[in-house]
């Protein structure tokens, strides 16, 4: 199986290594900013805290960036926030 045009590599114990692309939807609800604003990114990357009300959904695991981009286009057409 090829991923993004690259040949599979053989990894540990002879299993083929593949690149996968997880796609998440994050609905930020936390108000952790200095002015009470919603915080999306902090010094370590995207900030998500489900205990503060952030809503995380895994939209899928994809084998190519092209498939991710198509799923994003489809998701933007759906109703919701």
N, C-alpha and C. Protein backbone atom coordinates (compact mmCIF):
# COMPACT_ATOMS: atom_id res chain seq x y z
N UNK A 1 0.85 -1.18 0.00
CA UNK A 1 0.00 0.00 0.00
C UNK A 1 0.88 1.23 0.00
N UNK A 2 0.57 2.17 -0.86
CA UNK A 2 1.35 3.40 -0.92
C UNK A 2 0.60 4.51 -0.23
N UNK A 3 1.33 5.42 0.38
CA UNK A 3 0.73 6.55 1.05
C UNK A 3 1.36 7.83 0.53
N UNK A 4 0.53 8.71 0.02
CA UNK A 4 0.98 10.01 -0.49
C UNK A 4 2.09 9.86 -1.51
N UNK A 5 2.04 8.78 -2.32
CA UNK A 5 3.01 8.60 -3.37
C UNK A 5 4.34 8.02 -2.92
N UNK A 6 4.48 7.71 -1.64
CA UNK A 6 5.74 7.17 -1.14
C UNK A 6 5.62 5.66 -0.99
N UNK A 7 6.72 4.99 -1.24
CA UNK A 7 6.74 3.54 -1.06
C UNK A 7 6.75 3.20 0.42
N UNK A 8 6.04 2.13 0.83
CA UNK A 8 6.05 1.75 2.24
C UNK A 8 7.46 1.39 2.70
N UNK A 9 7.74 1.69 3.94
CA UNK A 9 9.02 1.33 4.53
C UNK A 9 8.80 0.15 5.46
N UNK A 10 9.80 -0.67 5.61
CA UNK A 10 9.68 -1.79 6.52
C UNK A 10 10.12 -1.33 7.90
N UNK A 11 9.25 -1.53 8.88
CA UNK A 11 9.54 -1.11 10.25
C UNK A 11 9.91 -2.29 11.12
N UNK A 12 9.70 -2.14 12.40
CA UNK A 12 10.01 -3.16 13.39
C UNK A 12 9.27 -4.45 13.08
N UNK A 13 9.93 -5.56 13.24
CA UNK A 13 9.37 -6.90 13.06
C UNK A 13 8.80 -7.12 11.65
N UNK A 14 9.30 -6.38 10.68
CA UNK A 14 8.90 -6.59 9.30
C UNK A 14 7.58 -5.96 8.90
N UNK A 15 6.93 -5.23 9.79
CA UNK A 15 5.68 -4.57 9.43
C UNK A 15 5.97 -3.34 8.59
N UNK A 16 5.11 -3.07 7.64
CA UNK A 16 5.27 -1.89 6.80
C UNK A 16 4.89 -0.64 7.59
N UNK A 17 5.67 0.41 7.46
CA UNK A 17 5.36 1.69 8.08
C UNK A 17 4.52 2.50 7.09
N UNK A 18 3.46 3.12 7.59
CA UNK A 18 2.63 3.98 6.75
C UNK A 18 2.43 5.30 7.46
N UNK A 19 2.18 6.32 6.68
CA UNK A 19 1.88 7.64 7.23
C UNK A 19 0.37 7.78 7.25
N UNK A 20 -0.17 8.18 8.39
CA UNK A 20 -1.61 8.43 8.49
C UNK A 20 -1.84 9.85 8.97
N UNK A 21 -3.00 10.38 8.63
CA UNK A 21 -3.35 11.76 8.95
C UNK A 21 -4.66 11.78 9.73
N UNK A 22 -4.60 11.95 11.05
CA UNK A 22 -5.84 12.07 11.81
C UNK A 22 -6.43 13.47 11.61
N UNK A 23 -7.74 13.55 11.49
CA UNK A 23 -8.42 14.83 11.31
C UNK A 23 -9.39 15.03 12.46
N UNK A 24 -9.18 16.11 13.21
CA UNK A 24 -10.00 16.42 14.38
C UNK A 24 -10.82 17.67 14.16
N UNK A 25 -12.01 17.70 14.72
CA UNK A 25 -12.78 18.94 14.83
C UNK A 25 -12.74 19.32 16.30
N UNK A 26 -12.36 20.54 16.58
CA UNK A 26 -12.29 21.01 17.97
C UNK A 26 -13.21 22.21 18.12
N UNK A 27 -14.20 22.07 18.98
CA UNK A 27 -15.08 23.18 19.32
C UNK A 27 -14.61 23.76 20.64
N UNK A 28 -13.94 24.90 20.60
CA UNK A 28 -13.40 25.51 21.82
C UNK A 28 -14.50 26.23 22.59
N UNK A 29 -14.61 25.91 23.86
CA UNK A 29 -15.59 26.55 24.73
C UNK A 29 -14.93 27.20 25.94
N UNK A 30 -13.68 26.84 26.19
CA UNK A 30 -13.02 27.36 27.39
C UNK A 30 -12.75 28.86 27.26
N UNK A 31 -12.78 29.53 28.38
CA UNK A 31 -12.50 30.97 28.41
C UNK A 31 -11.30 31.19 29.31
N UNK A 32 -10.14 30.84 28.79
CA UNK A 32 -8.93 30.87 29.59
C UNK A 32 -7.99 32.02 29.23
N UNK A 33 -8.42 32.88 28.31
CA UNK A 33 -7.57 34.00 27.92
C UNK A 33 -7.51 35.08 28.98
N UNK A 34 -6.52 35.94 28.88
CA UNK A 34 -6.35 37.02 29.85
C UNK A 34 -7.60 37.90 29.97
N UNK A 35 -8.29 38.09 28.85
CA UNK A 35 -9.49 38.93 28.86
C UNK A 35 -10.78 38.11 28.85
N UNK A 36 -10.66 36.81 29.20
CA UNK A 36 -11.83 35.94 29.21
C UNK A 36 -12.16 35.37 27.84
N UNK A 37 -11.28 35.61 26.86
CA UNK A 37 -11.53 35.11 25.52
C UNK A 37 -11.22 33.62 25.42
N UNK A 38 -11.73 33.00 24.37
CA UNK A 38 -11.47 31.58 24.13
C UNK A 38 -10.05 31.40 23.64
N UNK A 39 -9.35 30.45 24.23
CA UNK A 39 -7.96 30.18 23.85
C UNK A 39 -7.93 28.98 22.90
N UNK A 40 -7.31 29.17 21.75
CA UNK A 40 -7.19 28.09 20.77
C UNK A 40 -5.79 27.50 20.74
N UNK A 41 -4.79 28.34 20.96
CA UNK A 41 -3.40 27.90 20.85
C UNK A 41 -2.62 28.48 22.02
N UNK A 42 -1.76 27.64 22.60
CA UNK A 42 -0.84 28.15 23.61
C UNK A 42 0.59 27.85 23.15
N UNK A 43 1.57 28.03 24.03
CA UNK A 43 2.97 27.87 23.63
C UNK A 43 3.33 26.47 23.15
N UNK A 44 2.53 25.46 23.51
CA UNK A 44 2.84 24.09 23.09
C UNK A 44 1.99 23.62 21.91
N UNK A 45 1.11 24.46 21.39
CA UNK A 45 0.29 24.07 20.24
C UNK A 45 -1.17 24.33 20.51
N UNK A 46 -2.03 23.55 19.86
CA UNK A 46 -3.46 23.72 20.03
C UNK A 46 -3.85 23.32 21.45
N UNK A 47 -4.61 24.17 22.11
CA UNK A 47 -5.00 23.95 23.49
C UNK A 47 -6.43 23.42 23.52
N UNK A 48 -6.62 22.23 24.06
CA UNK A 48 -7.93 21.62 24.19
C UNK A 48 -8.09 21.11 25.61
N UNK A 49 -9.24 21.40 26.21
CA UNK A 49 -9.50 20.92 27.56
C UNK A 49 -10.97 20.55 27.67
N UNK A 50 -11.25 19.25 27.59
CA UNK A 50 -12.64 18.79 27.64
C UNK A 50 -13.30 19.12 28.97
N UNK A 51 -12.52 19.20 30.04
CA UNK A 51 -13.11 19.53 31.34
C UNK A 51 -13.60 20.98 31.37
N UNK A 52 -13.08 21.83 30.48
CA UNK A 52 -13.54 23.21 30.36
C UNK A 52 -14.63 23.37 29.32
N UNK A 53 -15.08 22.26 28.74
CA UNK A 53 -16.17 22.31 27.77
C UNK A 53 -15.77 22.21 26.32
N UNK A 54 -14.48 22.09 26.03
CA UNK A 54 -14.07 21.91 24.64
C UNK A 54 -14.65 20.60 24.11
N UNK A 55 -15.09 20.61 22.87
CA UNK A 55 -15.70 19.44 22.25
C UNK A 55 -14.76 18.93 21.17
N UNK A 56 -14.27 17.70 21.33
CA UNK A 56 -13.33 17.11 20.39
C UNK A 56 -14.00 15.96 19.66
N UNK A 57 -13.88 15.96 18.33
CA UNK A 57 -14.43 14.88 17.53
C UNK A 57 -13.39 14.43 16.53
N UNK A 58 -13.15 13.13 16.48
CA UNK A 58 -12.27 12.57 15.46
C UNK A 58 -13.10 12.37 14.20
N UNK A 59 -12.77 13.10 13.13
CA UNK A 59 -13.51 12.98 11.88
C UNK A 59 -13.04 11.82 11.04
N UNK A 60 -11.83 11.36 11.29
CA UNK A 60 -11.33 10.21 10.54
C UNK A 60 -9.83 10.15 10.51
N UNK A 61 -9.34 9.02 10.03
CA UNK A 61 -7.91 8.78 9.82
C UNK A 61 -7.75 8.56 8.32
N UNK A 62 -6.88 9.34 7.70
CA UNK A 62 -6.76 9.32 6.26
C UNK A 62 -5.36 8.95 5.81
N UNK A 63 -5.27 8.40 4.60
CA UNK A 63 -3.98 7.93 4.08
C UNK A 63 -3.23 8.98 3.29
N UNK A 64 -3.92 10.05 2.87
CA UNK A 64 -3.25 11.11 2.11
C UNK A 64 -3.79 12.47 2.55
N UNK A 65 -2.99 13.49 2.34
CA UNK A 65 -3.43 14.85 2.63
C UNK A 65 -4.58 15.26 1.71
N UNK A 66 -4.59 14.74 0.49
CA UNK A 66 -5.67 15.06 -0.43
C UNK A 66 -7.01 14.57 0.12
N UNK A 67 -7.03 13.40 0.75
CA UNK A 67 -8.27 12.89 1.34
C UNK A 67 -8.69 13.72 2.55
N UNK A 68 -7.71 14.20 3.31
CA UNK A 68 -8.01 15.08 4.44
C UNK A 68 -8.66 16.36 3.92
N UNK A 69 -8.07 16.96 2.91
CA UNK A 69 -8.59 18.21 2.36
C UNK A 69 -10.00 18.04 1.82
N UNK A 70 -10.28 16.91 1.18
CA UNK A 70 -11.63 16.65 0.68
C UNK A 70 -12.61 16.51 1.84
N UNK A 71 -12.22 15.84 2.91
CA UNK A 71 -13.09 15.68 4.08
C UNK A 71 -13.36 17.03 4.74
N UNK A 72 -12.36 17.90 4.79
CA UNK A 72 -12.56 19.24 5.35
C UNK A 72 -13.57 20.01 4.51
N UNK A 73 -13.45 19.91 3.18
CA UNK A 73 -14.42 20.59 2.30
C UNK A 73 -15.83 20.08 2.56
N UNK A 74 -15.98 18.76 2.71
CA UNK A 74 -17.30 18.19 2.98
C UNK A 74 -17.83 18.63 4.34
N UNK A 75 -16.96 18.63 5.36
CA UNK A 75 -17.38 18.97 6.71
C UNK A 75 -17.85 20.42 6.79
N UNK A 76 -17.25 21.30 6.04
CA UNK A 76 -17.64 22.72 6.07
C UNK A 76 -19.04 22.96 5.52
N UNK A 77 -19.57 22.01 4.76
CA UNK A 77 -20.91 22.14 4.21
C UNK A 77 -21.98 21.66 5.17
N UNK A 78 -21.59 20.98 6.24
CA UNK A 78 -22.55 20.43 7.20
C UNK A 78 -23.05 21.51 8.14
N UNK A 79 -24.30 21.38 8.61
CA UNK A 79 -24.81 22.36 9.57
C UNK A 79 -24.12 22.20 10.92
N UNK A 80 -24.13 23.24 11.70
CA UNK A 80 -23.51 23.20 13.02
C UNK A 80 -22.57 24.36 13.20
N UNK A 81 -21.93 24.35 14.36
CA UNK A 81 -21.03 25.45 14.71
C UNK A 81 -19.71 25.32 14.01
